[in-house]
């Protein structure tokens, strides 16, 4: 029997920024997996984390994502990836 081991070179989590919502504070976290940067949105405390984006060509591109994401969170008052924020975003677009 042949066994295959899958190994991912996973880096440490790096805090990219924080923001506040009506539900509480959240933090954007970056992590390098097999050489590619992944960004996640985690609550500070209990709550649902969300995958945000992956595959950045530069630190500047990552910085733009973080700034725009935090700005959108401020407009919506919620995590931009959450169902609540998607509903709010659709309501804003229709107005």
PDB file of N, CA and C in Angstrom:
ATOM      1  N   UNK A   1       0.845  -1.175   0.000  1.00  0.00           N
ATOM      2  CA  UNK A   1       0.000   0.000   0.000  1.00  0.00           C
ATOM      3  C   UNK A   1       0.885   1.231   0.000  1.00  0.00           C
ATOM      4  N   UNK A   2       0.572   2.145  -0.886  1.00  0.00           N
ATOM      5  CA  UNK A   2       1.360   3.356  -1.002  1.00  0.00           C
ATOM      6  C   UNK A   2       0.650   4.490  -0.267  1.00  0.00           C
ATOM      7  N   UNK A   3       1.393   5.246   0.527  1.00  0.00           N
ATOM      8  CA  UNK A   3       0.833   6.361   1.274  1.00  0.00           C
ATOM      9  C   UNK A   3       1.379   7.657   0.709  1.00  0.00           C
ATOM     10  N   UNK A   4       0.487   8.595   0.470  1.00  0.00           N
ATOM     11  CA  UNK A   4       0.894   9.910  -0.025  1.00  0.00           C
ATOM     12  C   UNK A   4       0.678  10.921   1.082  1.00  0.00           C
ATOM     13  N   UNK A   5       1.678  11.688   1.359  1.00  0.00           N
ATOM     14  CA  UNK A   5       1.584  12.718   2.379  1.00  0.00           C
ATOM     15  C   UNK A   5       1.513  14.062   1.683  1.00  0.00           C
ATOM     16  N   UNK A   6       0.463  14.809   1.975  1.00  0.00           N
ATOM     17  CA  UNK A   6       0.323  16.150   1.422  1.00  0.00           C
ATOM     18  C   UNK A   6       0.780  17.148   2.476  1.00  0.00           C
ATOM     19  N   UNK A   7       1.749  17.924   2.130  1.00  0.00           N
ATOM     20  CA  UNK A   7       2.289  18.905   3.062  1.00  0.00           C
ATOM     21  C   UNK A   7       2.121  20.301   2.491  1.00  0.00           C
ATOM     22  N   UNK A   8       1.548  21.174   3.273  1.00  0.00           N
ATOM     23  CA  UNK A   8       1.433  22.568   2.860  1.00  0.00           C
ATOM     24  C   UNK A   8       2.363  23.400   3.722  1.00  0.00           C
ATOM     25  N   UNK A   9       3.179  24.192   3.066  1.00  0.00           N
ATOM     26  CA  UNK A   9       4.040  25.107   3.792  1.00  0.00           C
ATOM     27  C   UNK A   9       3.175  26.286   4.221  1.00  0.00           C
ATOM     28  N   UNK A  10       2.815  26.298   5.490  1.00  0.00           N
ATOM     29  CA  UNK A  10       1.903  27.311   6.001  1.00  0.00           C
ATOM     30  C   UNK A  10       2.645  28.262   6.924  1.00  0.00           C
ATOM     31  N   UNK A  11       2.531  29.551   6.615  1.00  0.00           N
ATOM     32  CA  UNK A  11       3.179  30.563   7.430  1.00  0.00           C
ATOM     33  C   UNK A  11       2.322  30.971   8.617  1.00  0.00           C
ATOM     34  N   UNK A  12       2.887  31.799   9.442  1.00  0.00           N
ATOM     35  CA  UNK A  12       2.148  32.295  10.605  1.00  0.00           C
ATOM     36  C   UNK A  12       1.106  33.317  10.170  1.00  0.00           C
ATOM     37  N   UNK A  13       0.105  33.478  10.996  1.00  0.00           N
ATOM     38  CA  UNK A  13      -0.939  34.465  10.729  1.00  0.00           C
ATOM     39  C   UNK A  13      -0.400  35.857  11.037  1.00  0.00           C
ATOM     40  N   UNK A  14      -0.746  36.813  10.164  1.00  0.00           N
ATOM     41  CA  UNK A  14      -0.310  38.200  10.335  1.00  0.00           C
ATOM     42  C   UNK A  14      -1.544  39.085  10.336  1.00  0.00           C
ATOM     43  N   UNK A  15      -1.674  39.900  11.362  1.00  0.00           N
ATOM     44  CA  UNK A  15      -2.804  40.825  11.423  1.00  0.00           C
ATOM     45  C   UNK A  15      -2.589  41.945  10.412  1.00  0.00           C
ATOM     46  N   UNK A  16      -3.582  42.162   9.555  1.00  0.00           N
ATOM     47  CA  UNK A  16      -3.500  43.186   8.516  1.00  0.00           C
ATOM     48  C   UNK A  16      -4.298  44.435   8.864  1.00  0.00           C
ATOM     49  N   UNK A  17      -5.267  44.310   9.737  1.00  0.00           N
ATOM     50  CA  UNK A  17      -6.078  45.462  10.130  1.00  0.00           C
ATOM     51  C   UNK A  17      -7.292  45.030  10.915  1.00  0.00           C
ATOM     52  N   UNK A  18      -7.852  45.979  11.648  1.00  0.00           N
ATOM     53  CA  UNK A  18      -9.056  45.737  12.441  1.00  0.00           C
ATOM     54  C   UNK A  18     -10.122  46.751  12.063  1.00  0.00           C
ATOM     55  N   UNK A  19     -11.357  46.384  12.338  1.00  0.00           N
ATOM     56  CA  UNK A  19     -12.463  47.312  12.130  1.00  0.00           C
ATOM     57  C   UNK A  19     -13.615  46.920  13.045  1.00  0.00           C
ATOM     58  N   UNK A  20     -14.512  47.871  13.274  1.00  0.00           N
ATOM     59  CA  UNK A  20     -15.660  47.645  14.146  1.00  0.00           C
ATOM     60  C   UNK A  20     -16.928  47.496  13.329  1.00  0.00           C
ATOM     61  N   UNK A  21     -17.810  46.629  13.808  1.00  0.00           N
ATOM     62  CA  UNK A  21     -19.132  46.456  13.222  1.00  0.00           C
ATOM     63  C   UNK A  21     -20.161  46.571  14.343  1.00  0.00           C
ATOM     64  N   UNK A  22     -21.421  46.537  13.977  1.00  0.00           N
ATOM     65  CA  UNK A  22     -22.477  46.555  14.982  1.00  0.00           C
ATOM     66  C   UNK A  22     -22.409  45.305  15.855  1.00  0.00           C
ATOM     67  N   UNK A  23     -21.851  44.218  15.314  1.00  0.00           N
ATOM     68  CA  UNK A  23     -21.752  42.967  16.051  1.00  0.00           C
ATOM     69  C   UNK A  23     -20.462  42.860  16.875  1.00  0.00           C
ATOM     70  N   UNK A  24     -19.531  43.778  16.691  1.00  0.00           N
ATOM     71  CA  UNK A  24     -18.277  43.745  17.434  1.00  0.00           C
ATOM     72  C   UNK A  24     -17.075  43.932  16.535  1.00  0.00           C
ATOM     73  N   UNK A  25     -15.907  43.876  17.149  1.00  0.00           N
ATOM     74  CA  UNK A  25     -14.655  44.100  16.422  1.00  0.00           C
ATOM     75  C   UNK A  25     -14.269  42.864  15.609  1.00  0.00           C
ATOM     76  N   UNK A  26     -13.667  43.113  14.441  1.00  0.00           N
ATOM     77  CA  UNK A  26     -13.191  42.039  13.564  1.00  0.00           C
ATOM     78  C   UNK A  26     -11.758  42.349  13.145  1.00  0.00           C
ATOM     79  N   UNK A  27     -11.057  41.304  12.726  1.00  0.00           N
ATOM     80  CA  UNK A  27      -9.654  41.466  12.334  1.00  0.00           C
ATOM     81  C   UNK A  27      -9.416  40.751  10.996  1.00  0.00           C
ATOM     82  N   UNK A  28      -8.700  41.437  10.114  1.00  0.00           N
ATOM     83  CA  UNK A  28      -8.263  40.834   8.851  1.00  0.00           C
ATOM     84  C   UNK A  28      -6.914  40.183   9.090  1.00  0.00           C
ATOM     85  N   UNK A  29      -6.796  38.932   8.668  1.00  0.00           N
ATOM     86  CA  UNK A  29      -5.593  38.148   8.910  1.00  0.00           C
ATOM     87  C   UNK A  29      -5.054  37.640   7.579  1.00  0.00           C
ATOM     88  N   UNK A  30      -3.753  37.758   7.394  1.00  0.00           N
ATOM     89  CA  UNK A  30      -3.097  37.211   6.220  1.00  0.00           C
ATOM     90  C   UNK A  30      -2.300  35.988   6.600  1.00  0.00           C
ATOM     91  N   UNK A  31      -2.232  35.045   5.678  1.00  0.00           N
ATOM     92  CA  UNK A  31      -1.454  33.833   5.911  1.00  0.00           C
ATOM     93  C   UNK A  31      -0.931  33.319   4.577  1.00  0.00           C
ATOM     94  N   UNK A  32       0.338  32.968   4.545  1.00  0.00           N
ATOM     95  CA  UNK A  32       0.948  32.429   3.322  1.00  0.00           C
ATOM     96  C   UNK A  32       0.827  30.902   3.356  1.00  0.00           C
ATOM     97  N   UNK A  33       0.217  30.367   2.301  1.00  0.00           N
ATOM     98  CA  UNK A  33       0.063  28.919   2.176  1.00  0.00           C
ATOM     99  C   UNK A  33       0.648  28.517   0.828  1.00  0.00           C
ATOM    100  N   UNK A  34       1.645  27.664   0.868  1.00  0.00           N
ATOM    101  CA  UNK A  34       2.352  27.232  -0.350  1.00  0.00           C
ATOM    102  C   UNK A  34       2.767  28.412  -1.209  1.00  0.00           C
ATOM    103  N   UNK A  35       3.255  29.466  -0.583  1.00  0.00           N
ATOM    104  CA  UNK A  35       3.772  30.620  -1.302  1.00  0.00           C
ATOM    105  C   UNK A  35       2.738  31.647  -1.721  1.00  0.00           C
ATOM    106  N   UNK A  36       1.465  31.375  -1.494  1.00  0.00           N
ATOM    107  CA  UNK A  36       0.401  32.291  -1.905  1.00  0.00           C
ATOM    108  C   UNK A  36      -0.242  32.914  -0.668  1.00  0.00           C
ATOM    109  N   UNK A  37      -0.539  34.213  -0.721  1.00  0.00           N
ATOM    110  CA  UNK A  37      -1.134  34.914   0.415  1.00  0.00           C
ATOM    111  C   UNK A  37      -2.654  34.768   0.374  1.00  0.00           C
ATOM    112  N   UNK A  38      -3.206  34.365   1.504  1.00  0.00           N
ATOM    113  CA  UNK A  38      -4.654  34.243   1.695  1.00  0.00           C
ATOM    114  C   UNK A  38      -5.068  35.241   2.771  1.00  0.00           C
ATOM    115  N   UNK A  39      -6.226  35.875   2.598  1.00  0.00           N
ATOM    116  CA  UNK A  39      -6.736  36.829   3.582  1.00  0.00           C
ATOM    117  C   UNK A  39      -8.063  36.308   4.129  1.00  0.00           C
ATOM    118  N   UNK A  40      -8.177  36.360   5.451  1.00  0.00           N
ATOM    119  CA  UNK A  40      -9.377  35.919   6.153  1.00  0.00           C
ATOM    120  C   UNK A  40      -9.871  37.039   7.057  1.00  0.00           C
ATOM    121  N   UNK A  41     -11.159  37.014   7.350  1.00  0.00           N
ATOM    122  CA  UNK A  41     -11.799  37.975   8.238  1.00  0.00           C
ATOM    123  C   UNK A  41     -12.323  37.200   9.441  1.00  0.00           C
ATOM    124  N   UNK A  42     -11.765  37.490  10.620  1.00  0.00           N
ATOM    125  CA  UNK A  42     -12.138  36.783  11.848  1.00  0.00           C
ATOM    126  C   UNK A  42     -12.768  37.738  12.846  1.00  0.00           C
ATOM    127  N   UNK A  43     -13.747  37.253  13.605  1.00  0.00           N
ATOM    128  CA  UNK A  43     -14.261  38.071  14.697  1.00  0.00           C
ATOM    129  C   UNK A  43     -13.255  38.073  15.848  1.00  0.00           C
ATOM    130  N   UNK A  44     -13.270  39.127  16.634  1.00  0.00           N
ATOM    131  CA  UNK A  44     -12.502  39.125  17.879  1.00  0.00           C
ATOM    132  C   UNK A  44     -13.467  38.544  18.907  1.00  0.00           C
ATOM    133  N   UNK A  45     -13.237  37.314  19.280  1.00  0.00           N
ATOM    134  CA  UNK A  45     -14.175  36.593  20.136  1.00  0.00           C
ATOM    135  C   UNK A  45     -14.960  35.591  19.311  1.00  0.00           C
ATOM    136  N   UNK A  46     -16.159  35.281  19.760  1.00  0.00           N
ATOM    137  CA  UNK A  46     -16.982  34.280  19.087  1.00  0.00           C
ATOM    138  C   UNK A  46     -17.612  34.841  17.820  1.00  0.00           C
ATOM    139  N   UNK A  47     -17.808  33.982  16.840  1.00  0.00           N
ATOM    140  CA  UNK A  47     -18.441  34.393  15.597  1.00  0.00           C
ATOM    141  C   UNK A  47     -17.858  33.648  14.416  1.00  0.00           C
ATOM    142  N   UNK A  48     -18.400  33.930  13.259  1.00  0.00           N
ATOM    143  CA  UNK A  48     -17.998  33.211  12.044  1.00  0.00           C
ATOM    144  C   UNK A  48     -16.850  33.909  11.321  1.00  0.00           C
ATOM    145  N   UNK A  49     -15.801  33.164  10.989  1.00  0.00           N
ATOM    146  CA  UNK A  49     -14.744  33.724  10.134  1.00  0.00           C
ATOM    147  C   UNK A  49     -15.131  33.570   8.662  1.00  0.00           C
ATOM    148  N   UNK A  50     -14.541  34.398   7.806  1.00  0.00           N
ATOM    149  CA  UNK A  50     -14.807  34.342   6.380  1.00  0.00           C
ATOM    150  C   UNK A  50     -13.498  34.386   5.600  1.00  0.00           C
ATOM    151  N   UNK A  51     -13.446  33.655   4.501  1.00  0.00           N
ATOM    152  CA  UNK A  51     -12.360  33.783   3.539  1.00  0.00           C
ATOM    153  C   UNK A  51     -12.653  35.028   2.708  1.00  0.00           C
ATOM    154  N   UNK A  52     -11.625  35.865   2.463  1.00  0.00           N
ATOM    155  CA  UNK A  52     -11.821  37.111   1.728  1.00  0.00           C
ATOM    156  C   UNK A  52     -11.235  37.034   0.322  1.00  0.00           C
ATOM    157  N   UNK A  53      -9.942  36.768   0.208  1.00  0.00           N
ATOM    158  CA  UNK A  53      -9.277  36.821  -1.102  1.00  0.00           C
ATOM    159  C   UNK A  53      -7.943  36.096  -1.015  1.00  0.00           C
ATOM    160  N   UNK A  54      -7.388  35.761  -2.171  1.00  0.00           N
ATOM    161  CA  UNK A  54      -6.064  35.140  -2.226  1.00  0.00           C
ATOM    162  C   UNK A  54      -5.352  35.582  -3.494  1.00  0.00           C
ATOM    163  N   UNK A  55      -4.026  35.370  -3.503  1.00  0.00           N
ATOM    164  CA  UNK A  55      -3.249  35.583  -4.718  1.00  0.00           C
ATOM    165  C   UNK A  55      -2.942  37.032  -5.015  1.00  0.00           C
ATOM    166  N   UNK A  56      -2.071  37.628  -4.268  1.00  0.00           N
ATOM    167  CA  UNK A  56      -1.686  39.027  -4.478  1.00  0.00           C
ATOM    168  C   UNK A  56      -0.328  39.097  -5.147  1.00  0.00           C
ATOM    169  N   UNK A  57      -0.185  40.037  -6.061  1.00  0.00           N
ATOM    170  CA  UNK A  57       1.084  40.196  -6.772  1.00  0.00           C
ATOM    171  C   UNK A  57       2.073  41.085  -6.032  1.00  0.00           C
ATOM    172  N   UNK A  58       1.566  41.896  -5.098  1.00  0.00           N
ATOM    173  CA  UNK A  58       2.454  42.817  -4.374  1.00  0.00           C
ATOM    174  C   UNK A  58       1.843  43.205  -3.029  1.00  0.00           C
ATOM    175  N   UNK A  59       2.683  43.764  -2.169  1.00  0.00           N
ATOM    176  CA  UNK A  59       2.200  44.273  -0.885  1.00  0.00           C
ATOM    177  C   UNK A  59       1.266  45.460  -1.096  1.00  0.00           C
ATOM    178  N   UNK A  60       1.520  46.233  -2.146  1.00  0.00           N
ATOM    179  CA  UNK A  60       0.662  47.380  -2.445  1.00  0.00           C
ATOM    180  C   UNK A  60      -0.750  46.917  -2.799  1.00  0.00           C
ATOM    181  N   UNK A  61      -0.848  45.864  -3.579  1.00  0.00           N
ATOM    182  CA  UNK A  61      -2.158  45.307  -3.944  1.00  0.00           C
ATOM    183  C   UNK A  61      -2.886  44.813  -2.694  1.00  0.00           C
ATOM    184  N   UNK A  62      -2.181  44.171  -1.794  1.00  0.00           N
ATOM    185  CA  UNK A  62      -2.757  43.707  -0.536  1.00  0.00           C
ATOM    186  C   UNK A  62      -3.225  44.892   0.306  1.00  0.00           C
ATOM    187  N   UNK A  63      -2.423  45.950   0.360  1.00  0.00           N
ATOM    188  CA  UNK A  63      -2.784  47.141   1.130  1.00  0.00           C
ATOM    189  C   UNK A  63      -4.050  47.800   0.588  1.00  0.00           C
ATOM    190  N   UNK A  64      -4.214  47.822  -0.721  1.00  0.00           N
ATOM    191  CA  UNK A  64      -5.422  48.384  -1.329  1.00  0.00           C
ATOM    192  C   UNK A  64      -6.640  47.558  -0.925  1.00  0.00           C
ATOM    193  N   UNK A  65      -6.524  46.239  -0.979  1.00  0.00           N
ATOM    194  CA  UNK A  65      -7.633  45.387  -0.573  1.00  0.00           C
ATOM    195  C   UNK A  65      -8.035  45.674   0.861  1.00  0.00           C
ATOM    196  N   UNK A  66      -7.065  45.731   1.761  1.00  0.00           N
ATOM    197  CA  UNK A  66      -7.351  45.956   3.178  1.00  0.00           C
ATOM    198  C   UNK A  66      -8.038  47.306   3.367  1.00  0.00           C
ATOM    199  N   UNK A  67      -7.537  48.351   2.742  1.00  0.00           N
ATOM    200  CA  UNK A  67      -8.128  49.687   2.889  1.00  0.00           C
ATOM    201  C   UNK A  67      -9.556  49.720   2.347  1.00  0.00           C
ATOM    202  N   UNK A  68      -9.777  49.162   1.169  1.00  0.00           N
ATOM    203  CA  UNK A  68     -11.114  49.165   0.579  1.00  0.00           C
ATOM    204  C   UNK A  68     -12.073  48.285   1.374  1.00  0.00           C
ATOM    205  N   UNK A  69     -11.598  47.178   1.862  1.00  0.00           N
ATOM    206  CA  UNK A  69     -12.434  46.255   2.636  1.00  0.00           C
ATOM    207  C   UNK A  69     -12.887  46.916   3.937  1.00  0.00           C
ATOM    208  N   UNK A  70     -11.946  47.553   4.626  1.00  0.00           N
ATOM    209  CA  UNK A  70     -12.293  48.235   5.881  1.00  0.00           C
ATOM    210  C   UNK A  70     -13.236  49.408   5.624  1.00  0.00           C
ATOM    211  N   UNK A  71     -13.038  50.113   4.521  1.00  0.00           N
ATOM    212  CA  UNK A  71     -13.942  51.208   4.172  1.00  0.00           C
ATOM    213  C   UNK A  71     -15.347  50.712   3.906  1.00  0.00           C
ATOM    214  N   UNK A  72     -15.445  49.607   3.177  1.00  0.00           N
ATOM    215  CA  UNK A  72     -16.763  49.026   2.882  1.00  0.00           C
ATOM    216  C   UNK A  72     -17.429  48.539   4.163  1.00  0.00           C
ATOM    217  N   UNK A  73     -16.665  47.973   5.073  1.00  0.00           N
ATOM    218  CA  UNK A  73     -17.208  47.535   6.362  1.00  0.00           C
ATOM    219  C   UNK A  73     -17.778  48.722   7.129  1.00  0.00           C
ATOM    220  N   UNK A  74     -17.083  49.851   7.071  1.00  0.00           N
ATOM    221  CA  UNK A  74     -17.580  51.051   7.735  1.00  0.00           C
ATOM    222  C   UNK A  74     -18.891  51.545   7.135  1.00  0.00           C
ATOM    223  N   UNK A  75     -19.004  51.489   5.810  1.00  0.00           N
ATOM    224  CA  UNK A  75     -20.237  51.903   5.137  1.00  0.00           C
ATOM    225  C   UNK A  75     -21.409  50.999   5.499  1.00  0.00           C
ATOM    226  N   UNK A  76     -21.136  49.705   5.595  1.00  0.00           N
ATOM    227  CA  UNK A  76     -22.196  48.727   5.825  1.00  0.00           C
ATOM    228  C   UNK A  76     -22.490  48.481   7.301  1.00  0.00           C
ATOM    229  N   UNK A  77     -21.529  48.776   8.170  1.00  0.00           N
ATOM    230  CA  UNK A  77     -21.697  48.503   9.594  1.00  0.00           C
ATOM    231  C   UNK A  77     -21.637  47.019   9.915  1.00  0.00           C
ATOM    232  N   UNK A  78     -21.093  46.234   8.982  1.00  0.00           N
ATOM    233  CA  UNK A  78     -21.029  44.781   9.142  1.00  0.00           C
ATOM    234  C   UNK A  78     -19.855  44.229   8.352  1.00  0.00           C
ATOM    235  N   UNK A  79     -19.501  42.994   8.631  1.00  0.00           N
ATOM    236  CA  UNK A  79     -18.471  42.301   7.860  1.00  0.00           C
ATOM    237  C   UNK A  79     -18.933  42.215   6.411  1.00  0.00           C
ATOM    238  N   UNK A  80     -18.167  42.737   5.450  1.00  0.00           N
ATOM    239  CA  UNK A  80     -18.592  42.733   4.049  1.00  0.00           C
ATOM    240  C   UNK A  80     -18.893  41.352   3.473  1.00  0.00           C
ATOM    241  N   UNK A  81     -18.373  40.294   4.056  1.00  0.00           N
ATOM    242  CA  UNK A  81     -18.606  38.945   3.550  1.00  0.00           C
ATOM    243  C   UNK A  81     -19.853  38.305   4.148  1.00  0.00           C
ATOM    244  N   UNK A  82     -20.460  38.934   5.148  1.00  0.00           N
ATOM    245  CA  UNK A  82     -21.595  38.335   5.841  1.00  0.00           C
ATOM    246  C   UNK A  82     -22.890  38.489   5.049  1.00  0.00           C
ATOM    247  N   UNK A  83     -23.838  37.597   5.257  1.00  0.00           N
ATOM    248  CA  UNK A  83     -25.136  37.721   4.589  1.00  0.00           C
ATOM    249  C   UNK A  83     -25.827  39.054   4.900  1.00  0.00           C
ATOM    250  N   UNK A  84     -25.676  39.537   6.126  1.00  0.00           N
ATOM    251  CA  UNK A  84     -26.275  40.813   6.518  1.00  0.00           C
ATOM    252  C   UNK A  84     -25.718  41.957   5.671  1.00  0.00           C
ATOM    253  N   UNK A  85     -24.418  41.992   5.472  1.00  0.00           N
ATOM    254  CA  UNK A  85     -23.789  43.041   4.684  1.00  0.00           C
ATOM    255  C   UNK A  85     -24.161  42.933   3.218  1.00  0.00           C
ATOM    256  N   UNK A  86     -24.294  41.730   2.708  1.00  0.00           N
ATOM    257  CA  UNK A  86     -24.682  41.568   1.308  1.00  0.00           C
ATOM    258  C   UNK A  86     -26.066  42.145   1.088  1.00  0.00           C
ATOM    259  N   UNK A  87     -26.987  41.887   2.007  1.00  0.00           N
ATOM    260  CA  UNK A  87     -28.328  42.471   1.921  1.00  0.00           C
ATOM    261  C   UNK A  87     -28.298  43.990   1.998  1.00  0.00           C
ATOM    262  N   UNK A  88     -27.486  44.523   2.891  1.00  0.00           N
ATOM    263  CA  UNK A  88     -27.360  45.984   3.006  1.00  0.00           C
ATOM    264  C   UNK A  88     -26.763  46.588   1.746  1.00  0.00           C
ATOM    265  N   UNK A  89     -25.765  45.908   1.182  1.00  0.00           N
ATOM    266  CA  UNK A  89     -25.139  46.391  -0.038  1.00  0.00           C
ATOM    267  C   UNK A  89     -26.112  46.420  -1.205  1.00  0.00           C
ATOM    268  N   UNK A  90     -26.939  45.399  -1.310  1.00  0.00           N
ATOM    269  CA  UNK A  90     -27.940  45.364  -2.364  1.00  0.00           C
ATOM    270  C   UNK A  90     -28.971  46.487  -2.182  1.00  0.00           C
ATOM    271  N   UNK A  91     -29.338  46.751  -0.941  1.00  0.00           N
ATOM    272  CA  UNK A  91     -30.299  47.824  -0.652  1.00  0.00           C
ATOM    273  C   UNK A  91     -29.692  49.181  -1.015  1.00  0.00           C
ATOM    274  N   UNK A  92     -28.410  49.365  -0.731  1.00  0.00           N
ATOM    275  CA  UNK A  92     -27.746  50.629  -1.075  1.00  0.00           C
ATOM    276  C   UNK A  92     -27.653  50.813  -2.587  1.00  0.00           C
ATOM    277  N   UNK A  93     -27.382  49.727  -3.297  1.00  0.00           N
ATOM    278  CA  UNK A  93     -27.257  49.789  -4.752  1.00  0.00           C
ATOM    279  C   UNK A  93     -28.607  50.110  -5.408  1.00  0.00           C
ATOM    280  N   UNK A  94     -29.681  49.636  -4.793  1.00  0.00           N
ATOM    281  CA  UNK A  94     -31.021  49.873  -5.351  1.00  0.00           C
ATOM    282  C   UNK A  94     -31.516  51.287  -5.081  1.00  0.00           C
ATOM    283  N   UNK A  95     -30.956  51.924  -4.061  1.00  0.00           N
ATOM    284  CA  UNK A  95     -31.412  53.285  -3.676  1.00  0.00           C
ATOM    285  C   UNK A  95     -30.917  54.358  -4.602  1.00  0.00           C
TER     286      UNK A  95
END
